[in-house]
Amino acid sequence: MATILMLAAPLAILAPLSYLSPKLEDIAWSYATWSVETAGPTFTKLAQWASTRADLFPAEFVGRFSKLQDATEGHSWEHTDTTLRQSLGDNYSDIINLDPNAKPIGSGCIAQVYKATLKQSTSLFPSGTELAIKVQHPRIRDKVLVDFYILHKFASILERIPFLNLDYLSIQDSVLQFRQIMIPQLDMRNEARNLTRFLRDFSSDESITFPQPLHELTSEHVLVEKFMHGNYRFLCSPLFSLDILSFSNRLNLQCLFCITVCFYSNYCDSWRRRTYFELLTPRSFRRRSAYHCRKRIRDGYENDFLT
């Protein structure tokens, strides 16, 4: 908690100074992005999400923090080499051709990605196939768990401040839900399984494609998948046909927004879609009611539109 406060403190000075000149403004934004990245992978993940929400945040904010999507500070080649040896064996260079001097093609809050070539044929691809290899940053699980401990404590303090009545926002519940989404991402095998499911579910649509993972080469800390070429896409149309009005009436909600955000994968030149719910509730809506209401939304959506 003390580290977070120390990182945030200089912004109290830099923020007003940024109005004096463009140079000071650039310094303030540079420090803001650096401090978020330094704070930890969980805070970086939040900034990544925020930088995709041009509908919620100013264009300047989105433009500045978008660099955190694929240009965070990466780890050394020594850690990559050690992780690959632990996952693929000491002779991994006989399986994949990965230049030790090659720079990562992208680095996020959890892992960084290299472009490589398959040297030995597998059940899915022949030798010479281009690959994207995603290697986790060192001690990433410990860092994420510490971040969520800090977030939970901070949320608890906010909700206990008298007269602010912030408990209706269910901040602690939001942190818990974010944790449930974040923790599974620390196991690369989950991403590989999700990609396989996407390939299966969208196999009938030739306009949508996803990278094919190589499960036999994927481990908890390393994801190996086919490299895909593509262009940046940001689609605002919903992934599923959803009658918002009838759906919200059926759940007896005052207001329901279903927002579909398409994430561009900086690692393999592909794109993915994820759907988020935002629920607006009156101030009198307490935590327990909000929790059950969100659960009904999630269960109802999955039952009606994802099966």
C-alpha atoms as a PDB file:
ATOM      1  CA  MET A   1       0.000   0.000   0.000  1.00  0.00           C
ATOM      2  CA  ALA A   2       2.847   2.380   0.872  1.00  0.00           C
ATOM      3  CA  THR A   3       4.476   1.749  -2.510  1.00  0.00           C
ATOM      4  CA  ILE A   4       1.270   2.615  -4.350  1.00  0.00           C
ATOM      5  CA  LEU A   5       0.894   5.845  -2.393  1.00  0.00           C
ATOM      6  CA  MET A   6       4.522   6.777  -3.085  1.00  0.00           C
ATOM      7  CA  LEU A   7       4.031   6.198  -6.796  1.00  0.00           C
ATOM      8  CA  ALA A   8       0.827   8.249  -6.851  1.00  0.00           C
ATOM      9  CA  ALA A   9       2.111  11.162  -4.749  1.00  0.00           C
ATOM     10  CA  PRO A  10       4.170  12.900  -7.494  1.00  0.00           C
ATOM     11  CA  LEU A  11       1.059  13.052  -9.690  1.00  0.00           C
ATOM     12  CA  ALA A  12      -0.439  15.537  -7.234  1.00  0.00           C
ATOM     13  CA  ILE A  13       2.317  17.941  -8.310  1.00  0.00           C
ATOM     14  CA  LEU A  14       2.713  16.924 -11.952  1.00  0.00           C
ATOM     15  CA  ALA A  15      -1.017  17.095 -12.745  1.00  0.00           C
ATOM     16  CA  PRO A  16      -1.435  20.859 -12.172  1.00  0.00           C
ATOM     17  CA  LEU A  17       1.994  21.593 -13.679  1.00  0.00           C
ATOM     18  CA  SER A  18       0.978  19.811 -16.883  1.00  0.00           C
ATOM     19  CA  TYR A  19      -1.273  22.777 -17.757  1.00  0.00           C
ATOM     20  CA  LEU A  20       1.708  25.134 -17.929  1.00  0.00           C
ATOM     21  CA  SER A  21       3.430  23.722 -21.023  1.00  0.00           C
ATOM     22  CA  PRO A  22       3.243  20.788 -23.461  1.00  0.00           C
ATOM     23  CA  LYS A  23       6.623  19.546 -22.247  1.00  0.00           C
ATOM     24  CA  LEU A  24       5.430  19.316 -18.653  1.00  0.00           C
ATOM     25  CA  GLU A  25       2.282  17.588 -19.886  1.00  0.00           C
ATOM     26  CA  ASP A  26       4.370  14.935 -21.642  1.00  0.00           C
ATOM     27  CA  ILE A  27       6.410  14.450 -18.469  1.00  0.00           C
ATOM     28  CA  ALA A  28       3.244  14.012 -16.414  1.00  0.00           C
ATOM     29  CA  TRP A  29       1.770  11.444 -18.807  1.00  0.00           C
ATOM     30  CA  SER A  30       5.071   9.574 -19.061  1.00  0.00           C
ATOM     31  CA  TYR A  31       5.297   9.342 -15.299  1.00  0.00           C
ATOM     32  CA  ALA A  32       1.668   8.229 -15.060  1.00  0.00           C
ATOM     33  CA  THR A  33       2.194   5.318 -17.458  1.00  0.00           C
ATOM     34  CA  TRP A  34       5.495   4.400 -15.801  1.00  0.00           C
ATOM     35  CA  SER A  35       3.973   4.446 -12.315  1.00  0.00           C
ATOM     36  CA  VAL A  36       1.064   2.215 -13.349  1.00  0.00           C
ATOM     37  CA  GLU A  37       3.453  -0.289 -14.919  1.00  0.00           C
ATOM     38  CA  THR A  38       5.722  -0.161 -11.868  1.00  0.00           C
ATOM     39  CA  ALA A  39       2.789  -0.658  -9.500  1.00  0.00           C
ATOM     40  CA  GLY A  40       2.329  -4.215 -10.713  1.00  0.00           C
ATOM     41  CA  PRO A  41       0.795  -6.454 -13.412  1.00  0.00           C
ATOM     42  CA  THR A  42      -2.745  -6.178 -12.046  1.00  0.00           C
ATOM     43  CA  PHE A  43      -2.719  -2.383 -12.202  1.00  0.00           C
ATOM     44  CA  THR A  44      -1.250  -2.615 -15.699  1.00  0.00           C
ATOM     45  CA  LYS A  45      -4.077  -4.943 -16.706  1.00  0.00           C
ATOM     46  CA  LEU A  46      -6.619  -2.391 -15.455  1.00  0.00           C
ATOM     47  CA  ALA A  47      -4.897   0.323 -17.503  1.00  0.00           C
ATOM     48  CA  GLN A  48      -4.932  -1.955 -20.555  1.00  0.00           C
ATOM     49  CA  TRP A  49      -8.682  -2.397 -20.193  1.00  0.00           C
ATOM     50  CA  ALA A  50      -9.209   1.332 -19.684  1.00  0.00           C
ATOM     51  CA  SER A  51      -7.205   2.149 -22.819  1.00  0.00           C
ATOM     52  CA  THR A  52      -9.711   0.143 -24.883  1.00  0.00           C
ATOM     53  CA  ARG A  53     -12.661   2.143 -23.539  1.00  0.00           C
ATOM     54  CA  ALA A  54     -12.680   5.287 -25.647  1.00  0.00           C
ATOM     55  CA  ASP A  55     -16.375   5.555 -24.792  1.00  0.00           C
ATOM     56  CA  LEU A  56     -15.538   6.093 -21.120  1.00  0.00           C
ATOM     57  CA  PHE A  57     -12.172   7.850 -21.042  1.00  0.00           C
ATOM     58  CA  PRO A  58     -10.725  10.885 -22.876  1.00  0.00           C
ATOM     59  CA  ALA A  59      -8.831  10.331 -26.112  1.00  0.00           C
ATOM     60  CA  GLU A  60      -5.606  11.586 -24.544  1.00  0.00           C
ATOM     61  CA  PHE A  61      -5.867   9.040 -21.742  1.00  0.00           C
ATOM     62  CA  VAL A  62      -6.606   6.202 -24.166  1.00  0.00           C
ATOM     63  CA  GLY A  63      -3.747   7.183 -26.466  1.00  0.00           C
ATOM     64  CA  ARG A  64      -1.184   7.468 -23.682  1.00  0.00           C
ATOM     65  CA  PHE A  65      -2.045   4.251 -21.865  1.00  0.00           C
ATOM     66  CA  SER A  66      -2.504   2.149 -25.008  1.00  0.00           C
ATOM     67  CA  LYS A  67       1.270   1.568 -25.024  1.00  0.00           C
ATOM     68  CA  LEU A  68       0.776  -0.700 -22.012  1.00  0.00           C
ATOM     69  CA  GLN A  69      -1.101  -3.164 -24.216  1.00  0.00           C
ATOM     70  CA  ASP A  70       2.026  -4.445 -25.941  1.00  0.00           C
ATOM     71  CA  ALA A  71       5.002  -2.280 -24.992  1.00  0.00           C
ATOM     72  CA  THR A  72       5.561  -2.872 -21.288  1.00  0.00           C
ATOM     73  CA  GLU A  73       9.047  -3.494 -19.967  1.00  0.00           C
ATOM     74  CA  GLY A  74       9.965  -7.090 -20.700  1.00  0.00           C
ATOM     75  CA  HIS A  75      12.219  -9.604 -18.985  1.00  0.00           C
ATOM     76  CA  SER A  76      15.677 -10.813 -19.959  1.00  0.00           C
ATOM     77  CA  TRP A  77      16.563 -13.530 -22.445  1.00  0.00           C
ATOM     78  CA  GLU A  78      18.111 -15.511 -19.586  1.00  0.00           C
ATOM     79  CA  HIS A  79      14.695 -15.878 -17.958  1.00  0.00           C
ATOM     80  CA  THR A  80      13.116 -16.840 -21.296  1.00  0.00           C
ATOM     81  CA  ASP A  81      15.793 -19.476 -21.889  1.00  0.00           C
ATOM     82  CA  THR A  82      15.373 -20.906 -18.378  1.00  0.00           C
ATOM     83  CA  THR A  83      11.581 -21.038 -18.699  1.00  0.00           C
ATOM     84  CA  LEU A  84      11.732 -22.743 -22.102  1.00  0.00           C
ATOM     85  CA  ARG A  85      14.161 -25.331 -20.766  1.00  0.00           C
ATOM     86  CA  GLN A  86      11.882 -26.071 -17.824  1.00  0.00           C
ATOM     87  CA  SER A  87       8.815 -26.362 -20.071  1.00  0.00           C
ATOM     88  CA  LEU A  88      10.166 -27.937 -23.268  1.00  0.00           C
ATOM     89  CA  GLY A  89      13.398 -29.538 -22.089  1.00  0.00           C
ATOM     90  CA  ASP A  90      17.056 -28.659 -22.481  1.00  0.00           C
ATOM     91  CA  ASN A  91      16.909 -29.593 -26.173  1.00  0.00           C
ATOM     92  CA  TYR A  92      14.083 -27.174 -27.013  1.00  0.00           C
ATOM     93  CA  SER A  93      16.291 -25.657 -29.715  1.00  0.00           C
ATOM     94  CA  ASP A  94      15.847 -28.915 -31.641  1.00  0.00           C
ATOM     95  CA  ILE A  95      12.076 -28.365 -31.652  1.00  0.00           C
ATOM     96  CA  ILE A  96      11.777 -24.629 -32.317  1.00  0.00           C
ATOM     97  CA  ASN A  97      14.085 -22.135 -33.962  1.00  0.00           C
ATOM     98  CA  LEU A  98      14.212 -19.078 -31.695  1.00  0.00           C
ATOM     99  CA  ASP A  99      17.004 -16.554 -32.135  1.00  0.00           C
ATOM    100  CA  PRO A 100      18.425 -15.521 -28.720  1.00  0.00           C
ATOM    101  CA  ASN A 101      19.197 -12.081 -30.154  1.00  0.00           C
ATOM    102  CA  ALA A 102      15.661 -11.527 -31.427  1.00  0.00           C
ATOM    103  CA  LYS A 103      13.616  -8.917 -29.629  1.00  0.00           C
ATOM    104  CA  PRO A 104      10.120  -9.806 -28.382  1.00  0.00           C
ATOM    105  CA  ILE A 105       7.367  -8.770 -30.767  1.00  0.00           C
ATOM    106  CA  GLY A 106       5.216  -7.712 -27.830  1.00  0.00           C
ATOM    107  CA  SER A 107       5.257  -7.528 -24.058  1.00  0.00           C
ATOM    108  CA  GLY A 108       2.192  -7.347 -21.831  1.00  0.00           C
ATOM    109  CA  CYS A 109       1.615  -7.348 -18.093  1.00  0.00           C
ATOM    110  CA  ILE A 110       1.783 -11.149 -17.776  1.00  0.00           C
ATOM    111  CA  ALA A 111       4.080 -12.340 -20.546  1.00  0.00           C
ATOM    112  CA  GLN A 112       6.095 -11.384 -23.584  1.00  0.00           C
ATOM    113  CA  VAL A 113       5.954 -12.953 -27.024  1.00  0.00           C
ATOM    114  CA  TYR A 114       8.559 -14.067 -29.528  1.00  0.00           C
ATOM    115  CA  LYS A 115       8.252 -15.061 -33.147  1.00  0.00           C
ATOM    116  CA  ALA A 116       9.840 -18.436 -33.903  1.00  0.00           C
ATOM    117  CA  THR A 117       9.807 -21.269 -36.422  1.00  0.00           C
ATOM    118  CA  LEU A 118       8.888 -24.909 -35.920  1.00  0.00           C
ATOM    119  CA  LYS A 119      11.846 -27.212 -36.660  1.00  0.00           C
ATOM    120  CA  GLN A 120      10.138 -30.560 -36.118  1.00  0.00           C
ATOM    121  CA  SER A 121       6.801 -31.529 -37.614  1.00  0.00           C
ATOM    122  CA  THR A 122       3.910 -32.065 -35.206  1.00  0.00           C
ATOM    123  CA  SER A 123       0.492 -33.633 -35.507  1.00  0.00           C
ATOM    124  CA  LEU A 124      -0.910 -30.242 -36.579  1.00  0.00           C
ATOM    125  CA  PHE A 125       1.828 -28.399 -38.473  1.00  0.00           C
ATOM    126  CA  PRO A 126       4.796 -29.219 -40.691  1.00  0.00           C
ATOM    127  CA  SER A 127       8.312 -28.004 -40.009  1.00  0.00           C
ATOM    128  CA  GLY A 128       8.885 -24.395 -41.006  1.00  0.00           C
ATOM    129  CA  THR A 129       5.554 -23.189 -39.589  1.00  0.00           C
ATOM    130  CA  GLU A 130       5.766 -19.735 -38.027  1.00  0.00           C
ATOM    131  CA  LEU A 131       5.022 -19.722 -34.301  1.00  0.00           C
ATOM    132  CA  ALA A 132       4.227 -17.205 -31.602  1.00  0.00           C
ATOM    133  CA  ILE A 133       5.752 -18.186 -28.257  1.00  0.00           C
ATOM    134  CA  LYS A 134       4.379 -16.524 -25.149  1.00  0.00           C
ATOM    135  CA  VAL A 135       6.629 -16.680 -22.075  1.00  0.00           C
ATOM    136  CA  GLN A 136       5.494 -15.532 -18.645  1.00  0.00           C
ATOM    137  CA  HIS A 137       7.381 -12.844 -16.732  1.00  0.00           C
ATOM    138  CA  PRO A 138       9.290 -13.984 -13.632  1.00  0.00           C
ATOM    139  CA  ARG A 139       7.389 -14.364 -10.337  1.00  0.00           C
ATOM    140  CA  ILE A 140       4.216 -13.125 -12.016  1.00  0.00           C
ATOM    141  CA  ARG A 141       1.852 -15.117  -9.779  1.00  0.00           C
ATOM    142  CA  ASP A 142       3.336 -13.694  -6.588  1.00  0.00           C
ATOM    143  CA  LYS A 143       3.113 -10.164  -7.963  1.00  0.00           C
ATOM    144  CA  VAL A 144      -0.539 -10.563  -9.002  1.00  0.00           C
ATOM    145  CA  LEU A 145      -1.540 -11.981  -5.619  1.00  0.00           C
ATOM    146  CA  VAL A 146       0.150  -9.068  -3.845  1.00  0.00           C
ATOM    147  CA  ASP A 147      -1.626  -6.608  -6.148  1.00  0.00           C
ATOM    148  CA  PHE A 148      -5.023  -8.096  -5.339  1.00  0.00           C
ATOM    149  CA  TYR A 149      -4.276  -8.013  -1.623  1.00  0.00           C
ATOM    150  CA  ILE A 150      -3.587  -4.273  -1.952  1.00  0.00           C
ATOM    151  CA  LEU A 151      -6.691  -3.694  -4.088  1.00  0.00           C
ATOM    152  CA  HIS A 152      -8.899  -5.562  -1.637  1.00  0.00           C
ATOM    153  CA  LYS A 153      -7.578  -3.558   1.322  1.00  0.00           C
ATOM    154  CA  PHE A 154      -7.992  -0.308  -0.590  1.00  0.00           C
ATOM    155  CA  ALA A 155     -11.574  -1.211  -1.565  1.00  0.00           C
ATOM    156  CA  SER A 156     -12.365  -2.125   2.036  1.00  0.00           C
ATOM    157  CA  ILE A 157     -11.091   1.255   3.262  1.00  0.00           C
ATOM    158  CA  LEU A 158     -13.118   3.149   0.664  1.00  0.00           C
ATOM    159  CA  GLU A 159     -16.334   1.367   1.556  1.00  0.00           C
ATOM    160  CA  ARG A 160     -15.850   2.143   5.261  1.00  0.00           C
ATOM    161  CA  ILE A 161     -15.399   5.881   4.846  1.00  0.00           C
ATOM    162  CA  PRO A 162     -18.386   7.499   6.603  1.00  0.00           C
ATOM    163  CA  PHE A 163     -20.969   9.504   4.667  1.00  0.00           C
ATOM    164  CA  LEU A 164     -19.612   8.497   1.234  1.00  0.00           C
ATOM    165  CA  ASN A 165     -21.999   5.524   0.991  1.00  0.00           C
ATOM    166  CA  LEU A 166     -19.688   3.711  -1.405  1.00  0.00           C
ATOM    167  CA  ASP A 167     -20.781   0.271  -0.255  1.00  0.00           C
ATOM    168  CA  TYR A 168     -23.594   0.283  -2.831  1.00  0.00           C
ATOM    169  CA  LEU A 169     -20.938   0.163  -5.555  1.00  0.00           C
ATOM    170  CA  SER A 170     -19.764  -3.229  -4.255  1.00  0.00           C
ATOM    171  CA  ILE A 171     -16.120  -2.339  -4.813  1.00  0.00           C
ATOM    172  CA  GLN A 172     -14.868  -5.388  -2.928  1.00  0.00           C
ATOM    173  CA  ASP A 173     -17.089  -7.646  -5.007  1.00  0.00           C
ATOM    174  CA  SER A 174     -15.729  -6.046  -8.173  1.00  0.00           C
ATOM    175  CA  VAL A 175     -12.170  -6.710  -7.018  1.00  0.00           C
ATOM    176  CA  LEU A 176     -13.102 -10.325  -6.308  1.00  0.00           C
ATOM    177  CA  GLN A 177     -14.643 -10.750  -9.757  1.00  0.00           C
ATOM    178  CA  PHE A 178     -11.602  -9.185 -11.390  1.00  0.00           C
ATOM    179  CA  ARG A 179      -9.423 -11.606  -9.434  1.00  0.00           C
ATOM    180  CA  GLN A 180     -11.471 -14.560 -10.664  1.00  0.00           C
ATOM    181  CA  ILE A 181     -10.840 -13.396 -14.241  1.00  0.00           C
ATOM    182  CA  MET A 182      -7.177 -12.557 -13.761  1.00  0.00           C
ATOM    183  CA  ILE A 183      -5.873 -15.604 -11.885  1.00  0.00           C
ATOM    184  CA  PRO A 184      -6.749 -18.196 -14.585  1.00  0.00           C
ATOM    185  CA  GLN A 185      -4.742 -16.130 -17.093  1.00  0.00           C
ATOM    186  CA  LEU A 186      -1.596 -17.068 -15.162  1.00  0.00           C
ATOM    187  CA  ASP A 187      -1.857 -20.604 -16.540  1.00  0.00           C
ATOM    188  CA  MET A 188      -1.114 -20.577 -20.261  1.00  0.00           C
ATOM    189  CA  ARG A 189      -2.852 -23.920 -20.676  1.00  0.00           C
ATOM    190  CA  ASN A 190      -6.171 -22.192 -20.010  1.00  0.00           C
ATOM    191  CA  GLU A 191      -5.570 -19.820 -22.909  1.00  0.00           C
ATOM    192  CA  ALA A 192      -4.674 -22.750 -25.142  1.00  0.00           C
ATOM    193  CA  ARG A 193      -7.912 -24.529 -24.216  1.00  0.00           C
ATOM    194  CA  ASN A 194      -9.916 -21.356 -24.819  1.00  0.00           C
ATOM    195  CA  LEU A 195      -8.372 -20.915 -28.261  1.00  0.00           C
ATOM    196  CA  THR A 196      -9.251 -24.509 -29.119  1.00  0.00           C
ATOM    197  CA  ARG A 197     -12.838 -23.885 -28.069  1.00  0.00           C
ATOM    198  CA  PHE A 198     -13.009 -20.686 -30.125  1.00  0.00           C
ATOM    199  CA  LEU A 199     -11.737 -22.576 -33.164  1.00  0.00           C
ATOM    200  CA  ARG A 200     -14.403 -25.208 -32.643  1.00  0.00           C
ATOM    201  CA  ASP A 201     -17.278 -22.800 -32.009  1.00  0.00           C
ATOM    202  CA  PHE A 202     -16.444 -20.527 -34.956  1.00  0.00           C
ATOM    203  CA  SER A 203     -15.353 -23.240 -37.378  1.00  0.00           C
ATOM    204  CA  SER A 204     -18.395 -22.589 -39.579  1.00  0.00           C
ATOM    205  CA  ASP A 205     -17.574 -18.883 -40.018  1.00  0.00           C
ATOM    206  CA  GLU A 206     -14.715 -18.341 -42.464  1.00  0.00           C
ATOM    207  CA  SER A 207     -14.513 -14.623 -41.631  1.00  0.00           C
ATOM    208  CA  ILE A 208     -13.348 -15.337 -38.060  1.00  0.00           C
ATOM    209  CA  THR A 209     -10.113 -17.091 -37.185  1.00  0.00           C
ATOM    210  CA  PHE A 210      -7.962 -17.681 -34.125  1.00  0.00           C
ATOM    211  CA  PRO A 211      -4.392 -18.933 -33.688  1.00  0.00           C
ATOM    212  CA  GLN A 212      -4.086 -22.694 -33.329  1.00  0.00           C
ATOM    213  CA  PRO A 213      -2.298 -23.665 -30.087  1.00  0.00           C
ATOM    214  CA  LEU A 214       0.156 -26.554 -29.889  1.00  0.00           C
ATOM    215  CA  HIS A 215      -0.946 -28.284 -26.697  1.00  0.00           C
ATOM    216  CA  GLU A 216       1.989 -30.696 -26.687  1.00  0.00           C
ATOM    217  CA  LEU A 217       4.392 -27.745 -26.442  1.00  0.00           C
ATOM    218  CA  THR A 218       2.296 -25.606 -24.078  1.00  0.00           C
ATOM    219  CA  SER A 219       2.801 -25.547 -20.309  1.00  0.00           C
ATOM    220  CA  GLU A 220       1.744 -23.426 -17.345  1.00  0.00           C
ATOM    221  CA  HIS A 221       4.351 -20.785 -18.143  1.00  0.00           C
ATOM    222  CA  VAL A 222       4.712 -21.100 -21.937  1.00  0.00           C
ATOM    223  CA  LEU A 223       2.128 -20.917 -24.717  1.00  0.00           C
ATOM    224  CA  VAL A 224       3.077 -22.032 -28.226  1.00  0.00           C
ATOM    225  CA  GLU A 225       0.662 -21.216 -31.033  1.00  0.00           C
ATOM    226  CA  LYS A 226       0.650 -20.623 -34.753  1.00  0.00           C
ATOM    227  CA  PHE A 227       1.639 -17.116 -35.758  1.00  0.00           C
ATOM    228  CA  MET A 228      -1.122 -15.315 -37.622  1.00  0.00           C
ATOM    229  CA  HIS A 229      -0.876 -12.280 -39.866  1.00  0.00           C
ATOM    230  CA  GLY A 230      -3.622  -9.700 -39.789  1.00  0.00           C
ATOM    231  CA  ASN A 231      -4.623  -6.076 -39.385  1.00  0.00           C
ATOM    232  CA  TYR A 232      -5.831  -4.128 -36.389  1.00  0.00           C
ATOM    233  CA  ARG A 233      -9.577  -4.287 -35.880  1.00  0.00           C
ATOM    234  CA  PHE A 234     -11.875  -2.651 -33.344  1.00  0.00           C
ATOM    235  CA  LEU A 235     -15.490  -3.658 -33.792  1.00  0.00           C
ATOM    236  CA  CYS A 236     -18.363  -2.056 -31.933  1.00  0.00           C
ATOM    237  CA  SER A 237     -21.104  -4.344 -33.125  1.00  0.00           C
ATOM    238  CA  PRO A 238     -22.224  -6.965 -30.590  1.00  0.00           C
ATOM    239  CA  LEU A 239     -20.979 -10.500 -30.890  1.00  0.00           C
ATOM    240  CA  PHE A 240     -24.358 -11.946 -30.057  1.00  0.00           C
ATOM    241  CA  SER A 241     -27.803 -10.738 -31.002  1.00  0.00           C
ATOM    242  CA  LEU A 242     -29.251  -9.503 -27.735  1.00  0.00           C
ATOM    243  CA  ASP A 243     -32.540  -7.767 -27.099  1.00  0.00           C
ATOM    244  CA  ILE A 244     -31.423  -5.460 -24.296  1.00  0.00           C
ATOM    245  CA  LEU A 245     -34.872  -4.215 -23.390  1.00  0.00           C
ATOM    246  CA  SER A 246     -36.597  -7.568 -23.097  1.00  0.00           C
ATOM    247  CA  PHE A 247     -33.586  -9.069 -21.357  1.00  0.00           C
ATOM    248  CA  SER A 248     -33.467  -6.323 -18.734  1.00  0.00           C
ATOM    249  CA  ASN A 249     -37.217  -6.495 -18.196  1.00  0.00           C
ATOM    250  CA  ARG A 250     -37.021 -10.220 -17.672  1.00  0.00           C
ATOM    251  CA  LEU A 251     -34.409  -9.686 -14.939  1.00  0.00           C
ATOM    252  CA  ASN A 252     -36.317  -6.772 -13.415  1.00  0.00           C
ATOM    253  CA  LEU A 253     -33.370  -4.432 -13.748  1.00  0.00           C
ATOM    254  CA  GLN A 254     -33.525  -0.684 -14.048  1.00  0.00           C
ATOM    255  CA  CYS A 255     -30.759  -0.402 -16.584  1.00  0.00           C
ATOM    256  CA  LEU A 256     -28.534  -2.931 -18.274  1.00  0.00           C
ATOM    257  CA  PHE A 257     -25.775  -2.251 -20.722  1.00  0.00           C
ATOM    258  CA  CYS A 258     -24.181  -5.066 -22.659  1.00  0.00           C
ATOM    259  CA  ILE A 259     -20.908  -3.910 -24.108  1.00  0.00           C
ATOM    260  CA  THR A 260     -18.877  -6.003 -26.484  1.00  0.00           C
ATOM    261  CA  VAL A 261     -15.237  -5.044 -26.770  1.00  0.00           C
ATOM    262  CA  CYS A 262     -12.956  -6.573 -29.360  1.00  0.00           C
ATOM    263  CA  PHE A 263      -9.396  -6.972 -28.157  1.00  0.00           C
ATOM    264  CA  TYR A 264      -6.659  -6.997 -30.704  1.00  0.00           C
ATOM    265  CA  SER A 265      -4.023  -9.575 -29.873  1.00  0.00           C
ATOM    266  CA  ASN A 266      -0.672  -7.845 -30.102  1.00  0.00           C
ATOM    267  CA  TYR A 267       1.061 -11.173 -29.847  1.00  0.00           C
ATOM    268  CA  CYS A 268      -0.205 -13.110 -32.848  1.00  0.00           C
ATOM    269  CA  ASP A 269      -1.850 -10.464 -35.045  1.00  0.00           C
ATOM    270  CA  SER A 270      -5.341 -11.720 -34.381  1.00  0.00           C
ATOM    271  CA  TRP A 271      -8.307 -10.322 -32.486  1.00  0.00           C
ATOM    272  CA  ARG A 272     -10.632 -11.573 -29.842  1.00  0.00           C
ATOM    273  CA  ARG A 273     -13.961 -10.579 -28.456  1.00  0.00           C
ATOM    274  CA  ARG A 274     -15.042 -10.322 -24.879  1.00  0.00           C
ATOM    275  CA  THR A 275     -18.346  -9.168 -23.457  1.00  0.00           C
ATOM    276  CA  TYR A 276     -18.781  -7.126 -20.328  1.00  0.00           C
ATOM    277  CA  PHE A 277     -21.819  -6.161 -18.345  1.00  0.00           C
ATOM    278  CA  GLU A 278     -22.265  -2.838 -16.657  1.00  0.00           C
ATOM    279  CA  LEU A 279     -25.158  -2.538 -14.287  1.00  0.00           C
ATOM    280  CA  LEU A 280     -26.443   0.807 -13.064  1.00  0.00           C
ATOM    281  CA  THR A 281     -28.305   0.570  -9.800  1.00  0.00           C
ATOM    282  CA  PRO A 282     -29.825   3.098  -7.383  1.00  0.00           C
ATOM    283  CA  ARG A 283     -27.865   4.241  -4.337  1.00  0.00           C
ATOM    284  CA  SER A 284     -30.027   2.110  -2.090  1.00  0.00           C
ATOM    285  CA  PHE A 285     -28.922  -1.024  -3.929  1.00  0.00           C
ATOM    286  CA  ARG A 286     -26.824  -2.847  -1.345  1.00  0.00           C
ATOM    287  CA  ARG A 287     -23.968  -5.285  -1.831  1.00  0.00           C
ATOM    288  CA  ARG A 288     -25.869  -8.524  -1.372  1.00  0.00           C
ATOM    289  CA  SER A 289     -28.617  -7.520  -3.789  1.00  0.00           C
ATOM    290  CA  ALA A 290     -26.077  -6.344  -6.340  1.00  0.00           C
ATOM    291  CA  TYR A 291     -24.161  -9.612  -6.078  1.00  0.00           C
ATOM    292  CA  HIS A 292     -27.222 -11.776  -6.703  1.00  0.00           C
ATOM    293  CA  CYS A 293     -28.346  -9.485  -9.511  1.00  0.00           C
ATOM    294  CA  ARG A 294     -25.006  -9.738 -11.292  1.00  0.00           C
ATOM    295  CA  LYS A 295     -25.083 -13.503 -10.840  1.00  0.00           C
ATOM    296  CA  ARG A 296     -28.511 -13.636 -12.472  1.00  0.00           C
ATOM    297  CA  ILE A 297     -27.209 -11.577 -15.372  1.00  0.00           C
ATOM    298  CA  ARG A 298     -24.208 -13.819 -15.869  1.00  0.00           C
ATOM    299  CA  ASP A 299     -26.157 -17.061 -15.580  1.00  0.00           C
ATOM    300  CA  GLY A 300     -28.994 -15.803 -17.749  1.00  0.00           C
ATOM    301  CA  TYR A 301     -26.647 -14.575 -20.444  1.00  0.00           C
ATOM    302  CA  GLU A 302     -24.667 -17.790 -20.534  1.00  0.00           C
ATOM    303  CA  ASN A 303     -27.765 -19.964 -20.595  1.00  0.00           C
ATOM    304  CA  ASP A 304     -29.510 -17.972 -23.294  1.00  0.00           C
ATOM    305  CA  PHE A 305     -26.694 -16.955 -25.609  1.00  0.00           C
ATOM    306  CA  LEU A 306     -23.532 -18.965 -25.017  1.00  0.00           C
ATOM    307  CA  THR A 307     -24.748 -22.546 -25.249  1.00  0.00           C
END
